[in-house]
Amino acid sequence: MPVPIDAIVLYRLKYLYPREFSDVEAGTGKDKKGRPTYWAKIVTEDKSQAWSRISDYDTYWHTQTRIRTLAKAKNVAPLEFEMRHLWVAE
């Protein structure tokens, strides 16, 4: 199963694995109520695009493949990798 990818997951991937995810731009901020927010973009050859606007399946699958490689290196399933290593406890 593919890992559900959102801005938080991409932020954590960029923070923890910057070399593997050099095509990701991500950051944090605060909303009007002071709660943390996250944003993420994928940089391709000709543009930078918000993850939520990705329409290119190859870009999506390339990200999934890199996550699967990291999961395999830790001997866990991709979803378990996401839960153990990428979820942020607030």
N, C-alpha and C. Protein backbone atom coordinates (compact mmCIF):
# COMPACT_ATOMS: atom_id res chain seq x y z
N MET A 1 0.85 -1.19 0.00
CA MET A 1 0.00 0.00 0.00
C MET A 1 0.89 1.25 0.00
N PRO A 2 0.48 2.27 -0.72
CA PRO A 2 1.25 3.51 -0.70
C PRO A 2 1.06 4.26 0.62
N VAL A 3 2.07 5.01 0.99
CA VAL A 3 2.01 5.83 2.20
C VAL A 3 1.20 7.08 1.89
N PRO A 4 0.25 7.44 2.77
CA PRO A 4 -0.46 8.71 2.56
C PRO A 4 0.51 9.87 2.79
N ILE A 5 0.77 10.61 1.76
CA ILE A 5 1.75 11.69 1.84
C ILE A 5 1.02 13.02 1.95
N ASP A 6 1.46 13.81 2.91
CA ASP A 6 0.95 15.17 3.05
C ASP A 6 2.12 16.08 3.40
N ALA A 7 1.84 17.34 3.68
CA ALA A 7 2.90 18.31 3.96
C ALA A 7 3.70 17.95 5.20
N ILE A 8 3.06 17.37 6.20
CA ILE A 8 3.78 16.99 7.43
C ILE A 8 4.77 15.87 7.12
N VAL A 9 4.33 14.87 6.39
CA VAL A 9 5.21 13.74 6.03
C VAL A 9 6.38 14.26 5.20
N LEU A 10 6.10 15.10 4.22
CA LEU A 10 7.18 15.64 3.39
C LEU A 10 8.14 16.50 4.21
N TYR A 11 7.62 17.27 5.13
CA TYR A 11 8.48 18.08 6.00
C TYR A 11 9.42 17.17 6.79
N ARG A 12 8.89 16.11 7.38
CA ARG A 12 9.72 15.19 8.16
C ARG A 12 10.74 14.48 7.28
N LEU A 13 10.35 14.08 6.08
CA LEU A 13 11.29 13.45 5.16
C LEU A 13 12.43 14.40 4.81
N LYS A 14 12.10 15.65 4.52
CA LYS A 14 13.11 16.64 4.18
C LYS A 14 14.04 16.89 5.36
N TYR A 15 13.48 16.96 6.56
CA TYR A 15 14.26 17.22 7.77
C TYR A 15 15.17 16.04 8.12
N LEU A 16 14.64 14.84 8.06
CA LEU A 16 15.39 13.65 8.47
C LEU A 16 16.27 13.06 7.37
N TYR A 17 15.89 13.24 6.12
CA TYR A 17 16.60 12.63 4.99
C TYR A 17 16.80 13.68 3.88
N PRO A 18 17.54 14.74 4.17
CA PRO A 18 17.67 15.83 3.18
C PRO A 18 18.33 15.41 1.87
N ARG A 19 19.25 14.49 1.92
CA ARG A 19 19.92 14.07 0.69
C ARG A 19 18.96 13.29 -0.21
N GLU A 20 18.17 12.41 0.39
CA GLU A 20 17.23 11.59 -0.38
C GLU A 20 16.06 12.40 -0.92
N PHE A 21 15.76 13.52 -0.26
CA PHE A 21 14.60 14.34 -0.64
C PHE A 21 15.03 15.78 -0.96
N SER A 22 16.08 15.88 -1.74
CA SER A 22 16.59 17.21 -2.11
C SER A 22 15.63 17.97 -3.02
N ASP A 23 14.68 17.28 -3.62
CA ASP A 23 13.68 17.92 -4.47
C ASP A 23 12.47 18.43 -3.70
N VAL A 24 12.50 18.32 -2.39
CA VAL A 24 11.40 18.78 -1.55
C VAL A 24 11.78 20.09 -0.87
N GLU A 25 10.89 21.05 -0.95
CA GLU A 25 10.98 22.27 -0.15
C GLU A 25 9.86 22.18 0.86
N ALA A 26 10.17 22.38 2.14
CA ALA A 26 9.15 22.25 3.17
C ALA A 26 9.48 23.15 4.34
N GLY A 27 8.44 23.52 5.06
CA GLY A 27 8.64 24.37 6.23
C GLY A 27 7.43 24.35 7.13
N THR A 28 7.54 25.12 8.19
CA THR A 28 6.46 25.21 9.17
C THR A 28 6.09 26.66 9.40
N GLY A 29 4.97 26.85 10.02
CA GLY A 29 4.50 28.17 10.38
C GLY A 29 3.46 28.04 11.48
N LYS A 30 2.72 29.10 11.70
CA LYS A 30 1.64 29.10 12.68
C LYS A 30 0.39 29.67 12.01
N ASP A 31 -0.76 29.11 12.37
CA ASP A 31 -2.00 29.69 11.86
C ASP A 31 -2.42 30.85 12.76
N LYS A 32 -3.57 31.42 12.50
CA LYS A 32 -4.03 32.59 13.27
C LYS A 32 -4.25 32.31 14.74
N LYS A 33 -4.46 31.04 15.08
CA LYS A 33 -4.67 30.65 16.47
C LYS A 33 -3.38 30.15 17.12
N GLY A 34 -2.26 30.24 16.40
CA GLY A 34 -0.98 29.83 16.95
C GLY A 34 -0.67 28.35 16.83
N ARG A 35 -1.50 27.61 16.12
CA ARG A 35 -1.26 26.18 15.92
C ARG A 35 -0.24 25.98 14.81
N PRO A 36 0.56 24.93 14.91
CA PRO A 36 1.56 24.70 13.87
C PRO A 36 0.91 24.31 12.54
N THR A 37 1.49 24.81 11.47
CA THR A 37 1.07 24.44 10.12
C THR A 37 2.32 24.00 9.34
N TYR A 38 2.10 23.26 8.30
CA TYR A 38 3.19 22.75 7.48
C TYR A 38 2.88 23.04 6.02
N TRP A 39 3.93 23.22 5.23
CA TRP A 39 3.77 23.36 3.79
C TRP A 39 4.88 22.56 3.11
N ALA A 40 4.62 22.11 1.91
CA ALA A 40 5.62 21.35 1.17
C ALA A 40 5.41 21.53 -0.33
N LYS A 41 6.53 21.60 -1.04
CA LYS A 41 6.52 21.70 -2.49
C LYS A 41 7.51 20.69 -3.05
N ILE A 42 7.23 20.26 -4.25
CA ILE A 42 8.14 19.40 -4.99
C ILE A 42 8.75 20.25 -6.10
N VAL A 43 10.06 20.21 -6.21
CA VAL A 43 10.76 20.96 -7.24
C VAL A 43 11.09 20.00 -8.38
N THR A 44 10.60 20.33 -9.56
CA THR A 44 10.92 19.55 -10.75
C THR A 44 11.84 20.38 -11.62
N GLU A 45 12.19 19.88 -12.77
CA GLU A 45 13.12 20.58 -13.65
C GLU A 45 12.69 22.00 -13.99
N ASP A 46 11.41 22.19 -14.19
CA ASP A 46 10.95 23.48 -14.67
C ASP A 46 10.06 24.27 -13.71
N LYS A 47 9.73 23.68 -12.55
CA LYS A 47 8.82 24.40 -11.65
C LYS A 47 8.87 23.85 -10.23
N SER A 48 8.27 24.60 -9.34
CA SER A 48 8.06 24.19 -7.96
C SER A 48 6.56 24.16 -7.76
N GLN A 49 6.05 23.05 -7.22
CA GLN A 49 4.60 22.89 -7.12
C GLN A 49 4.21 22.35 -5.76
N ALA A 50 3.15 22.92 -5.20
CA ALA A 50 2.64 22.41 -3.92
C ALA A 50 2.28 20.94 -4.07
N TRP A 51 2.61 20.16 -3.04
CA TRP A 51 2.34 18.72 -3.09
C TRP A 51 0.88 18.43 -3.37
N SER A 52 -0.01 19.21 -2.80
CA SER A 52 -1.44 18.98 -2.98
C SER A 52 -1.89 19.22 -4.42
N ARG A 53 -1.05 19.83 -5.23
CA ARG A 53 -1.39 20.13 -6.63
C ARG A 53 -0.67 19.22 -7.63
N ILE A 54 0.07 18.25 -7.12
CA ILE A 54 0.81 17.35 -8.01
C ILE A 54 -0.18 16.56 -8.88
N SER A 55 0.05 16.59 -10.16
CA SER A 55 -0.80 15.82 -11.06
C SER A 55 0.02 14.81 -11.85
N ASP A 56 1.32 14.84 -11.70
CA ASP A 56 2.21 13.94 -12.41
C ASP A 56 2.42 12.67 -11.60
N TYR A 57 1.94 11.56 -12.13
CA TYR A 57 2.04 10.29 -11.42
C TYR A 57 3.48 9.86 -11.19
N ASP A 58 4.37 10.14 -12.12
CA ASP A 58 5.78 9.76 -11.96
C ASP A 58 6.41 10.44 -10.75
N THR A 59 6.10 11.71 -10.54
CA THR A 59 6.61 12.44 -9.37
C THR A 59 6.08 11.80 -8.09
N TYR A 60 4.80 11.51 -8.08
CA TYR A 60 4.18 10.87 -6.92
C TYR A 60 4.84 9.51 -6.64
N TRP A 61 4.97 8.68 -7.67
CA TRP A 61 5.50 7.34 -7.47
C TRP A 61 6.98 7.36 -7.09
N HIS A 62 7.73 8.31 -7.63
CA HIS A 62 9.14 8.44 -7.26
C HIS A 62 9.27 8.72 -5.76
N THR A 63 8.40 9.54 -5.22
CA THR A 63 8.40 9.82 -3.78
C THR A 63 8.05 8.56 -3.00
N GLN A 64 7.04 7.83 -3.44
CA GLN A 64 6.67 6.58 -2.77
C GLN A 64 7.83 5.58 -2.79
N THR A 65 8.52 5.48 -3.91
CA THR A 65 9.63 4.53 -4.04
C THR A 65 10.75 4.86 -3.06
N ARG A 66 11.05 6.13 -2.89
CA ARG A 66 12.10 6.51 -1.93
C ARG A 66 11.69 6.18 -0.50
N ILE A 67 10.42 6.37 -0.17
CA ILE A 67 9.94 6.01 1.16
C ILE A 67 10.05 4.50 1.36
N ARG A 68 9.68 3.74 0.35
CA ARG A 68 9.79 2.27 0.44
C ARG A 68 11.23 1.82 0.64
N THR A 69 12.17 2.48 -0.01
CA THR A 69 13.59 2.15 0.16
C THR A 69 14.03 2.40 1.59
N LEU A 70 13.61 3.52 2.17
CA LEU A 70 13.95 3.81 3.57
C LEU A 70 13.32 2.79 4.50
N ALA A 71 12.09 2.43 4.23
CA ALA A 71 11.39 1.43 5.07
C ALA A 71 12.09 0.09 5.00
N LYS A 72 12.47 -0.31 3.81
CA LYS A 72 13.15 -1.60 3.63
C LYS A 72 14.47 -1.63 4.40
N ALA A 73 15.19 -0.52 4.41
CA ALA A 73 16.46 -0.44 5.14
C ALA A 73 16.26 -0.62 6.64
N LYS A 74 15.08 -0.30 7.13
CA LYS A 74 14.77 -0.46 8.56
C LYS A 74 13.97 -1.73 8.83
N ASN A 75 13.77 -2.55 7.81
CA ASN A 75 13.04 -3.81 7.92
C ASN A 75 11.61 -3.64 8.44
N VAL A 76 10.93 -2.64 7.93
CA VAL A 76 9.53 -2.41 8.29
C VAL A 76 8.74 -2.13 7.02
N ALA A 77 7.44 -2.27 7.11
CA ALA A 77 6.55 -1.93 6.01
C ALA A 77 6.52 -0.40 5.85
N PRO A 78 6.23 0.09 4.64
CA PRO A 78 6.19 1.53 4.44
C PRO A 78 5.27 2.28 5.41
N LEU A 79 4.07 1.74 5.67
CA LEU A 79 3.17 2.43 6.61
C LEU A 79 3.73 2.44 8.03
N GLU A 80 4.37 1.35 8.42
CA GLU A 80 4.99 1.32 9.75
C GLU A 80 6.15 2.32 9.82
N PHE A 81 6.91 2.44 8.75
CA PHE A 81 7.98 3.44 8.69
C PHE A 81 7.41 4.83 8.90
N GLU A 82 6.32 5.11 8.20
CA GLU A 82 5.69 6.43 8.34
C GLU A 82 5.27 6.68 9.79
N MET A 83 4.60 5.71 10.39
CA MET A 83 4.11 5.90 11.76
C MET A 83 5.24 6.02 12.77
N ARG A 84 6.26 5.20 12.64
CA ARG A 84 7.35 5.20 13.61
C ARG A 84 8.34 6.35 13.44
N HIS A 85 8.57 6.76 12.21
CA HIS A 85 9.67 7.69 11.96
C HIS A 85 9.25 9.06 11.45
N LEU A 86 8.05 9.20 10.96
CA LEU A 86 7.68 10.46 10.35
C LEU A 86 6.57 11.21 11.07
N TRP A 87 5.73 10.52 11.79
CA TRP A 87 4.66 11.23 12.48
C TRP A 87 5.25 12.08 13.59
N VAL A 88 4.71 13.26 13.70
CA VAL A 88 5.19 14.20 14.70
C VAL A 88 4.18 14.26 15.83
N ALA A 89 4.63 13.99 17.04
CA ALA A 89 3.75 14.10 18.21
C ALA A 89 3.77 15.55 18.68
N GLU A 90 2.62 16.16 18.66
CA GLU A 90 2.51 17.56 19.10
C GLU A 90 1.97 17.63 20.50
